mmCIF file of all heavy atoms, coordinates in Angstrom:
data_MODEL
# 
_entry.id   MODEL 
# 
loop_
_atom_site.group_PDB 
_atom_site.id 
_atom_site.type_symbol 
_atom_site.label_atom_id 
_atom_site.label_alt_id 
_atom_site.label_comp_id 
_atom_site.label_asym_id 
_atom_site.label_entity_id 
_atom_site.label_seq_id 
_atom_site.pdbx_PDB_ins_code 
_atom_site.Cartn_x 
_atom_site.Cartn_y 
_atom_site.Cartn_z 
_atom_site.occupancy 
_atom_site.B_iso_or_equiv 
_atom_site.pdbx_formal_charge 
_atom_site.auth_seq_id 
_atom_site.auth_comp_id 
_atom_site.auth_asym_id 
_atom_site.auth_atom_id 
_atom_site.pdbx_PDB_model_num 
ATOM 1   N N   . LEU A 1 1  ? 2.008  -6.176  -9.832  1.00 0.00 ? 1  LEU A N   1 
ATOM 2   C CA  . LEU A 1 1  ? 3.395  -6.413  -9.450  1.00 0.00 ? 1  LEU A CA  1 
ATOM 3   C C   . LEU A 1 1  ? 4.372  -5.971  -10.527 1.00 0.00 ? 1  LEU A C   1 
ATOM 4   O O   . LEU A 1 1  ? 5.452  -5.449  -10.225 1.00 0.00 ? 1  LEU A O   1 
ATOM 5   C CB  . LEU A 1 1  ? 3.606  -7.909  -9.162  1.00 0.00 ? 1  LEU A CB  1 
ATOM 6   C CG  . LEU A 1 1  ? 3.145  -8.425  -7.806  1.00 0.00 ? 1  LEU A CG  1 
ATOM 7   C CD1 . LEU A 1 1  ? 3.325  -9.931  -7.753  1.00 0.00 ? 1  LEU A CD1 1 
ATOM 8   C CD2 . LEU A 1 1  ? 3.904  -7.744  -6.679  1.00 0.00 ? 1  LEU A CD2 1 
ATOM 9   N N   . ASP A 1 2  ? 4.002  -6.174  -11.810 1.00 0.00 ? 2  ASP A N   1 
ATOM 10  C CA  . ASP A 1 2  ? 4.930  -5.804  -12.874 1.00 0.00 ? 2  ASP A CA  1 
ATOM 11  C C   . ASP A 1 2  ? 5.205  -4.301  -12.879 1.00 0.00 ? 2  ASP A C   1 
ATOM 12  O O   . ASP A 1 2  ? 6.328  -3.857  -13.098 1.00 0.00 ? 2  ASP A O   1 
ATOM 13  C CB  . ASP A 1 2  ? 4.419  -6.269  -14.241 1.00 0.00 ? 2  ASP A CB  1 
ATOM 14  C CG  . ASP A 1 2  ? 3.019  -5.783  -14.535 1.00 0.00 ? 2  ASP A CG  1 
ATOM 15  O OD1 . ASP A 1 2  ? 2.322  -5.375  -13.592 1.00 0.00 ? 2  ASP A OD1 1 
ATOM 16  O OD2 . ASP A 1 2  ? 2.614  -5.812  -15.712 1.00 0.00 ? 2  ASP A OD2 1 
ATOM 17  N N   . GLY A 1 3  ? 4.161  -3.499  -12.616 1.00 0.00 ? 3  GLY A N   1 
ATOM 18  C CA  . GLY A 1 3  ? 4.354  -2.055  -12.526 1.00 0.00 ? 3  GLY A CA  1 
ATOM 19  C C   . GLY A 1 3  ? 5.217  -1.678  -11.336 1.00 0.00 ? 3  GLY A C   1 
ATOM 20  O O   . GLY A 1 3  ? 6.058  -0.769  -11.415 1.00 0.00 ? 3  GLY A O   1 
ATOM 21  N N   . ALA A 1 4  ? 5.019  -2.386  -10.221 1.00 0.00 ? 4  ALA A N   1 
ATOM 22  C CA  . ALA A 1 4  ? 5.839  -2.126  -9.038  1.00 0.00 ? 4  ALA A CA  1 
ATOM 23  C C   . ALA A 1 4  ? 7.301  -2.465  -9.321  1.00 0.00 ? 4  ALA A C   1 
ATOM 24  O O   . ALA A 1 4  ? 8.212  -1.735  -8.919  1.00 0.00 ? 4  ALA A O   1 
ATOM 25  C CB  . ALA A 1 4  ? 5.327  -2.954  -7.858  1.00 0.00 ? 4  ALA A CB  1 
ATOM 26  N N   . PHE A 1 5  ? 7.528  -3.568  -10.040 1.00 0.00 ? 5  PHE A N   1 
ATOM 27  C CA  . PHE A 1 5  ? 8.897  -3.952  -10.368 1.00 0.00 ? 5  PHE A CA  1 
ATOM 28  C C   . PHE A 1 5  ? 9.544  -2.936  -11.304 1.00 0.00 ? 5  PHE A C   1 
ATOM 29  O O   . PHE A 1 5  ? 10.719 -2.584  -11.145 1.00 0.00 ? 5  PHE A O   1 
ATOM 30  C CB  . PHE A 1 5  ? 8.911  -5.337  -11.015 1.00 0.00 ? 5  PHE A CB  1 
ATOM 31  C CG  . PHE A 1 5  ? 8.523  -6.452  -10.077 1.00 0.00 ? 5  PHE A CG  1 
ATOM 32  C CD1 . PHE A 1 5  ? 8.130  -7.687  -10.564 1.00 0.00 ? 5  PHE A CD1 1 
ATOM 33  C CD2 . PHE A 1 5  ? 8.566  -6.270  -8.708  1.00 0.00 ? 5  PHE A CD2 1 
ATOM 34  C CE1 . PHE A 1 5  ? 7.785  -8.714  -9.709  1.00 0.00 ? 5  PHE A CE1 1 
ATOM 35  C CE2 . PHE A 1 5  ? 8.217  -7.290  -7.829  1.00 0.00 ? 5  PHE A CE2 1 
ATOM 36  C CZ  . PHE A 1 5  ? 7.828  -8.517  -8.339  1.00 0.00 ? 5  PHE A CZ  1 
ATOM 37  N N   . ASP A 1 6  ? 8.795  -2.449  -12.284 1.00 0.00 ? 6  ASP A N   1 
ATOM 38  C CA  . ASP A 1 6  ? 9.327  -1.429  -13.191 1.00 0.00 ? 6  ASP A CA  1 
ATOM 39  C C   . ASP A 1 6  ? 9.666  -0.149  -12.429 1.00 0.00 ? 6  ASP A C   1 
ATOM 40  O O   . ASP A 1 6  ? 10.688 0.498   -12.687 1.00 0.00 ? 6  ASP A O   1 
ATOM 41  C CB  . ASP A 1 6  ? 8.312  -1.119  -14.290 1.00 0.00 ? 6  ASP A CB  1 
ATOM 42  C CG  . ASP A 1 6  ? 8.457  -2.044  -15.495 1.00 0.00 ? 6  ASP A CG  1 
ATOM 43  O OD1 . ASP A 1 6  ? 9.527  -2.654  -15.637 1.00 0.00 ? 6  ASP A OD1 1 
ATOM 44  O OD2 . ASP A 1 6  ? 7.494  -2.176  -16.260 1.00 0.00 ? 6  ASP A OD2 1 
ATOM 45  N N   . ALA A 1 7  ? 8.763  0.224   -11.494 1.00 0.00 ? 7  ALA A N   1 
ATOM 46  C CA  . ALA A 1 7  ? 8.994  1.431   -10.699 1.00 0.00 ? 7  ALA A CA  1 
ATOM 47  C C   . ALA A 1 7  ? 10.263 1.282   -9.857  1.00 0.00 ? 7  ALA A C   1 
ATOM 48  O O   . ALA A 1 7  ? 11.061 2.216   -9.742  1.00 0.00 ? 7  ALA A O   1 
ATOM 49  C CB  . ALA A 1 7  ? 7.788  1.715   -9.806  1.00 0.00 ? 7  ALA A CB  1 
ATOM 50  N N   . LEU A 1 8  ? 10.451 0.111   -9.282  1.00 0.00 ? 8  LEU A N   1 
ATOM 51  C CA  . LEU A 1 8  ? 11.651 -0.127  -8.481  1.00 0.00 ? 8  LEU A CA  1 
ATOM 52  C C   . LEU A 1 8  ? 12.913 -0.029  -9.320  1.00 0.00 ? 8  LEU A C   1 
ATOM 53  O O   . LEU A 1 8  ? 13.909 0.571   -8.920  1.00 0.00 ? 8  LEU A O   1 
ATOM 54  C CB  . LEU A 1 8  ? 11.578 -1.517  -7.830  1.00 0.00 ? 8  LEU A CB  1 
ATOM 55  C CG  . LEU A 1 8  ? 10.805 -1.639  -6.527  1.00 0.00 ? 8  LEU A CG  1 
ATOM 56  C CD1 . LEU A 1 8  ? 10.723 -3.090  -6.099  1.00 0.00 ? 8  LEU A CD1 1 
ATOM 57  C CD2 . LEU A 1 8  ? 11.442 -0.795  -5.434  1.00 0.00 ? 8  LEU A CD2 1 
ATOM 58  N N   . ARG A 1 9  ? 12.878 -0.621  -10.517 1.00 0.00 ? 9  ARG A N   1 
ATOM 59  C CA  . ARG A 1 9  ? 14.066 -0.632  -11.361 1.00 0.00 ? 9  ARG A CA  1 
ATOM 60  C C   . ARG A 1 9  ? 14.497 0.767   -11.756 1.00 0.00 ? 9  ARG A C   1 
ATOM 61  O O   . ARG A 1 9  ? 15.687 1.023   -11.977 1.00 0.00 ? 9  ARG A O   1 
ATOM 62  C CB  . ARG A 1 9  ? 13.813 -1.479  -12.616 1.00 0.00 ? 9  ARG A CB  1 
ATOM 63  C CG  . ARG A 1 9  ? 15.086 -1.753  -13.395 1.00 0.00 ? 9  ARG A CG  1 
ATOM 64  C CD  . ARG A 1 9  ? 14.871 -2.715  -14.542 1.00 0.00 ? 9  ARG A CD  1 
ATOM 65  N NE  . ARG A 1 9  ? 14.111 -2.116  -15.633 1.00 0.00 ? 9  ARG A NE  1 
ATOM 66  C CZ  . ARG A 1 9  ? 14.089 -2.605  -16.873 1.00 0.00 ? 9  ARG A CZ  1 
ATOM 67  N NH1 . ARG A 1 9  ? 14.775 -3.696  -17.154 1.00 0.00 ? 9  ARG A NH1 1 
ATOM 68  N NH2 . ARG A 1 9  ? 13.371 -2.030  -17.807 1.00 0.00 ? 9  ARG A NH2 1 
ATOM 69  N N   . SER A 1 10 ? 13.551 1.687   -11.839 1.00 0.00 ? 10 SER A N   1 
ATOM 70  C CA  . SER A 1 10 ? 13.871 3.049   -12.276 1.00 0.00 ? 10 SER A CA  1 
ATOM 71  C C   . SER A 1 10 ? 14.387 3.923   -11.139 1.00 0.00 ? 10 SER A C   1 
ATOM 72  O O   . SER A 1 10 ? 14.834 5.036   -11.370 1.00 0.00 ? 10 SER A O   1 
ATOM 73  C CB  . SER A 1 10 ? 12.630 3.703   -12.899 1.00 0.00 ? 10 SER A CB  1 
ATOM 74  O OG  . SER A 1 10 ? 11.601 3.859   -11.934 1.00 0.00 ? 10 SER A OG  1 
ATOM 75  N N   . MET A 1 11 ? 14.343 3.431   -9.912  1.00 0.00 ? 11 MET A N   1 
ATOM 76  C CA  . MET A 1 11 ? 14.796 4.211   -8.757  1.00 0.00 ? 11 MET A CA  1 
ATOM 77  C C   . MET A 1 11 ? 16.276 3.953   -8.481  1.00 0.00 ? 11 MET A C   1 
ATOM 78  O O   . MET A 1 11 ? 16.796 2.875   -8.799  1.00 0.00 ? 11 MET A O   1 
ATOM 79  C CB  . MET A 1 11 ? 13.983 3.840   -7.510  1.00 0.00 ? 11 MET A CB  1 
ATOM 80  C CG  . MET A 1 11 ? 12.508 4.170   -7.599  1.00 0.00 ? 11 MET A CG  1 
ATOM 81  S SD  . MET A 1 11 ? 11.638 3.614   -6.102  1.00 0.00 ? 11 MET A SD  1 
ATOM 82  C CE  . MET A 1 11 ? 9.963  4.080   -6.513  1.00 0.00 ? 11 MET A CE  1 
ATOM 83  N N   . PRO A 1 12 ? 16.968 4.926   -7.892  1.00 0.00 ? 12 PRO A N   1 
ATOM 84  C CA  . PRO A 1 12 ? 18.369 4.706   -7.506  1.00 0.00 ? 12 PRO A CA  1 
ATOM 85  C C   . PRO A 1 12 ? 18.475 3.543   -6.526  1.00 0.00 ? 12 PRO A C   1 
ATOM 86  O O   . PRO A 1 12 ? 17.818 3.534   -5.484  1.00 0.00 ? 12 PRO A O   1 
ATOM 87  C CB  . PRO A 1 12 ? 18.768 6.034   -6.839  1.00 0.00 ? 12 PRO A CB  1 
ATOM 88  C CG  . PRO A 1 12 ? 17.805 7.040   -7.405  1.00 0.00 ? 12 PRO A CG  1 
ATOM 89  C CD  . PRO A 1 12 ? 16.516 6.305   -7.610  1.00 0.00 ? 12 PRO A CD  1 
ATOM 90  N N   . GLY A 1 13 ? 19.276 2.579   -6.860  1.00 0.00 ? 13 GLY A N   1 
ATOM 91  C CA  . GLY A 1 13 ? 19.426 1.410   -5.993  1.00 0.00 ? 13 GLY A CA  1 
ATOM 92  C C   . GLY A 1 13 ? 18.259 0.453   -6.047  1.00 0.00 ? 13 GLY A C   1 
ATOM 93  O O   . GLY A 1 13 ? 18.266 -0.574  -5.360  1.00 0.00 ? 13 GLY A O   1 
ATOM 94  N N   . GLY A 1 14 ? 17.262 0.777   -6.870  1.00 0.00 ? 14 GLY A N   1 
ATOM 95  C CA  . GLY A 1 14 ? 16.068 -0.062  -6.931  1.00 0.00 ? 14 GLY A CA  1 
ATOM 96  C C   . GLY A 1 14 ? 16.324 -1.434  -7.504  1.00 0.00 ? 14 GLY A C   1 
ATOM 97  O O   . GLY A 1 14 ? 15.599 -2.386  -7.191  1.00 0.00 ? 14 GLY A O   1 
ATOM 98  N N   . VAL A 1 15 ? 17.365 -1.545  -8.348  1.00 0.00 ? 15 VAL A N   1 
ATOM 99  C CA  . VAL A 1 15 ? 17.683 -2.846  -8.947  1.00 0.00 ? 15 VAL A CA  1 
ATOM 100 C C   . VAL A 1 15 ? 18.006 -3.870  -7.866  1.00 0.00 ? 15 VAL A C   1 
ATOM 101 O O   . VAL A 1 15 ? 17.579 -5.032  -7.938  1.00 0.00 ? 15 VAL A O   1 
ATOM 102 C CB  . VAL A 1 15 ? 18.868 -2.704  -9.924  1.00 0.00 ? 15 VAL A CB  1 
ATOM 103 C CG1 . VAL A 1 15 ? 19.385 -4.075  -10.341 1.00 0.00 ? 15 VAL A CG1 1 
ATOM 104 C CG2 . VAL A 1 15 ? 18.447 -1.906  -11.157 1.00 0.00 ? 15 VAL A CG2 1 
ATOM 105 N N   . PHE A 1 16 ? 18.742 -3.428  -6.842  1.00 0.00 ? 16 PHE A N   1 
ATOM 106 C CA  . PHE A 1 16 ? 19.109 -4.347  -5.766  1.00 0.00 ? 16 PHE A CA  1 
ATOM 107 C C   . PHE A 1 16 ? 17.872 -4.792  -4.993  1.00 0.00 ? 16 PHE A C   1 
ATOM 108 O O   . PHE A 1 16 ? 17.748 -5.960  -4.617  1.00 0.00 ? 16 PHE A O   1 
ATOM 109 C CB  . PHE A 1 16 ? 20.121 -3.677  -4.827  1.00 0.00 ? 16 PHE A CB  1 
ATOM 110 C CG  . PHE A 1 16 ? 21.388 -3.262  -5.511  1.00 0.00 ? 16 PHE A CG  1 
ATOM 111 C CD1 . PHE A 1 16 ? 21.619 -1.932  -5.843  1.00 0.00 ? 16 PHE A CD1 1 
ATOM 112 C CD2 . PHE A 1 16 ? 22.352 -4.209  -5.855  1.00 0.00 ? 16 PHE A CD2 1 
ATOM 113 C CE1 . PHE A 1 16 ? 22.786 -1.551  -6.485  1.00 0.00 ? 16 PHE A CE1 1 
ATOM 114 C CE2 . PHE A 1 16 ? 23.523 -3.835  -6.492  1.00 0.00 ? 16 PHE A CE2 1 
ATOM 115 C CZ  . PHE A 1 16 ? 23.740 -2.504  -6.808  1.00 0.00 ? 16 PHE A CZ  1 
ATOM 116 N N   . VAL A 1 17 ? 16.948 -3.842  -4.767  1.00 0.00 ? 17 VAL A N   1 
ATOM 117 C CA  . VAL A 1 17 ? 15.706 -4.185  -4.075  1.00 0.00 ? 17 VAL A CA  1 
ATOM 118 C C   . VAL A 1 17 ? 14.887 -5.150  -4.925  1.00 0.00 ? 17 VAL A C   1 
ATOM 119 O O   . VAL A 1 17 ? 14.311 -6.125  -4.420  1.00 0.00 ? 17 VAL A O   1 
ATOM 120 C CB  . VAL A 1 17 ? 14.884 -2.913  -3.761  1.00 0.00 ? 17 VAL A CB  1 
ATOM 121 C CG1 . VAL A 1 17 ? 13.568 -3.290  -3.076  1.00 0.00 ? 17 VAL A CG1 1 
ATOM 122 C CG2 . VAL A 1 17 ? 15.682 -1.960  -2.889  1.00 0.00 ? 17 VAL A CG2 1 
ATOM 123 N N   . LEU A 1 18 ? 14.849 -4.885  -6.241  1.00 0.00 ? 18 LEU A N   1 
ATOM 124 C CA  . LEU A 1 18 ? 14.087 -5.730  -7.151  1.00 0.00 ? 18 LEU A CA  1 
ATOM 125 C C   . LEU A 1 18 ? 14.630 -7.156  -7.161  1.00 0.00 ? 18 LEU A C   1 
ATOM 126 O O   . LEU A 1 18 ? 13.869 -8.125  -7.101  1.00 0.00 ? 18 LEU A O   1 
ATOM 127 C CB  . LEU A 1 18 ? 14.121 -5.140  -8.558  1.00 0.00 ? 18 LEU A CB  1 
ATOM 128 C CG  . LEU A 1 18 ? 13.421 -5.929  -9.671  1.00 0.00 ? 18 LEU A CG  1 
ATOM 129 C CD1 . LEU A 1 18 ? 11.976 -6.200  -9.313  1.00 0.00 ? 18 LEU A CD1 1 
ATOM 130 C CD2 . LEU A 1 18 ? 13.516 -5.166  -10.995 1.00 0.00 ? 18 LEU A CD2 1 
ATOM 131 N N   . VAL A 1 19 ? 15.936 -7.290  -7.228  1.00 0.00 ? 19 VAL A N   1 
ATOM 132 C CA  . VAL A 1 19 ? 16.546 -8.625  -7.212  1.00 0.00 ? 19 VAL A CA  1 
ATOM 133 C C   . VAL A 1 19 ? 16.267 -9.317  -5.882  1.00 0.00 ? 19 VAL A C   1 
ATOM 134 O O   . VAL A 1 19 ? 15.968 -10.524 -5.835  1.00 0.00 ? 19 VAL A O   1 
ATOM 135 C CB  . VAL A 1 19 ? 18.064 -8.536  -7.472  1.00 0.00 ? 19 VAL A CB  1 
ATOM 136 C CG1 . VAL A 1 19 ? 18.733 -9.894  -7.251  1.00 0.00 ? 19 VAL A CG1 1 
ATOM 137 C CG2 . VAL A 1 19 ? 18.334 -8.041  -8.886  1.00 0.00 ? 19 VAL A CG2 1 
ATOM 138 N N   . ALA A 1 20 ? 16.341 -8.537  -4.789  1.00 0.00 ? 20 ALA A N   1 
ATOM 139 C CA  . ALA A 1 20 ? 16.053 -9.111  -3.468  1.00 0.00 ? 20 ALA A CA  1 
ATOM 140 C C   . ALA A 1 20 ? 14.614 -9.611  -3.396  1.00 0.00 ? 20 ALA A C   1 
ATOM 141 O O   . ALA A 1 20 ? 14.336 -10.699 -2.867  1.00 0.00 ? 20 ALA A O   1 
ATOM 142 C CB  . ALA A 1 20 ? 16.303 -8.067  -2.373  1.00 0.00 ? 20 ALA A CB  1 
ATOM 143 N N   . ILE A 1 21 ? 13.671 -8.837  -3.950  1.00 0.00 ? 21 ILE A N   1 
ATOM 144 C CA  . ILE A 1 21 ? 12.270 -9.258  -3.956  1.00 0.00 ? 21 ILE A CA  1 
ATOM 145 C C   . ILE A 1 21 ? 12.100 -10.504 -4.820  1.00 0.00 ? 21 ILE A C   1 
ATOM 146 O O   . ILE A 1 21 ? 11.344 -11.424 -4.471  1.00 0.00 ? 21 ILE A O   1 
ATOM 147 C CB  . ILE A 1 21 ? 11.361 -8.114  -4.455  1.00 0.00 ? 21 ILE A CB  1 
ATOM 148 C CG1 . ILE A 1 21 ? 11.282 -7.017  -3.384  1.00 0.00 ? 21 ILE A CG1 1 
ATOM 149 C CG2 . ILE A 1 21 ? 9.964  -8.623  -4.804  1.00 0.00 ? 21 ILE A CG2 1 
ATOM 150 C CD1 . ILE A 1 21 ? 10.477 -5.807  -3.806  1.00 0.00 ? 21 ILE A CD1 1 
ATOM 151 N N   . GLY A 1 22 ? 12.829 -10.544 -5.951  1.00 0.00 ? 22 GLY A N   1 
ATOM 152 C CA  . GLY A 1 22 ? 12.783 -11.739 -6.786  1.00 0.00 ? 22 GLY A CA  1 
ATOM 153 C C   . GLY A 1 22 ? 13.242 -12.968 -6.016  1.00 0.00 ? 22 GLY A C   1 
ATOM 154 O O   . GLY A 1 22 ? 12.631 -14.041 -6.094  1.00 0.00 ? 22 GLY A O   1 
ATOM 155 N N   . ILE A 1 23 ? 14.315 -12.810 -5.249  1.00 0.00 ? 23 ILE A N   1 
ATOM 156 C CA  . ILE A 1 23 ? 14.803 -13.909 -4.405  1.00 0.00 ? 23 ILE A CA  1 
ATOM 157 C C   . ILE A 1 23 ? 13.743 -14.286 -3.376  1.00 0.00 ? 23 ILE A C   1 
ATOM 158 O O   . ILE A 1 23 ? 13.543 -15.467 -3.064  1.00 0.00 ? 23 ILE A O   1 
ATOM 159 C CB  . ILE A 1 23 ? 16.123 -13.511 -3.716  1.00 0.00 ? 23 ILE A CB  1 
ATOM 160 C CG1 . ILE A 1 23 ? 17.230 -13.358 -4.767  1.00 0.00 ? 23 ILE A CG1 1 
ATOM 161 C CG2 . ILE A 1 23 ? 16.525 -14.531 -2.656  1.00 0.00 ? 23 ILE A CG2 1 
ATOM 162 C CD1 . ILE A 1 23 ? 18.523 -12.781 -4.229  1.00 0.00 ? 23 ILE A CD1 1 
ATOM 163 N N   . GLY A 1 24 ? 13.037 -13.263 -2.859  1.00 0.00 ? 24 GLY A N   1 
ATOM 164 C CA  . GLY A 1 24 ? 11.968 -13.529 -1.904  1.00 0.00 ? 24 GLY A CA  1 
ATOM 165 C C   . GLY A 1 24 ? 10.856 -14.381 -2.509  1.00 0.00 ? 24 GLY A C   1 
ATOM 166 O O   . GLY A 1 24 ? 10.342 -15.314 -1.869  1.00 0.00 ? 24 GLY A O   1 
ATOM 167 N N   . PHE A 1 25 ? 10.480 -14.079 -3.748  1.00 0.00 ? 25 PHE A N   1 
ATOM 168 C CA  . PHE A 1 25 ? 9.453  -14.883 -4.418  1.00 0.00 ? 25 PHE A CA  1 
ATOM 169 C C   . PHE A 1 25 ? 9.956  -16.301 -4.677  1.00 0.00 ? 25 PHE A C   1 
ATOM 170 O O   . PHE A 1 25 ? 9.181  -17.268 -4.571  1.00 0.00 ? 25 PHE A O   1 
ATOM 171 C CB  . PHE A 1 25 ? 9.019  -14.213 -5.720  1.00 0.00 ? 25 PHE A CB  1 
ATOM 172 C CG  . PHE A 1 25 ? 7.904  -13.225 -5.544  1.00 0.00 ? 25 PHE A CG  1 
ATOM 173 C CD1 . PHE A 1 25 ? 8.168  -11.893 -5.234  1.00 0.00 ? 25 PHE A CD1 1 
ATOM 174 C CD2 . PHE A 1 25 ? 6.577  -13.620 -5.672  1.00 0.00 ? 25 PHE A CD2 1 
ATOM 175 C CE1 . PHE A 1 25 ? 7.135  -10.981 -5.065  1.00 0.00 ? 25 PHE A CE1 1 
ATOM 176 C CE2 . PHE A 1 25 ? 5.540  -12.724 -5.508  1.00 0.00 ? 25 PHE A CE2 1 
ATOM 177 C CZ  . PHE A 1 25 ? 5.815  -11.396 -5.198  1.00 0.00 ? 25 PHE A CZ  1 
# 
């Protein structure tokens, strides 16, 4: 999961997806 989160953060708009997934957890 940590690698997936890092990959998301590096993508355009990925920060918003990452925060949304964090809220999901």
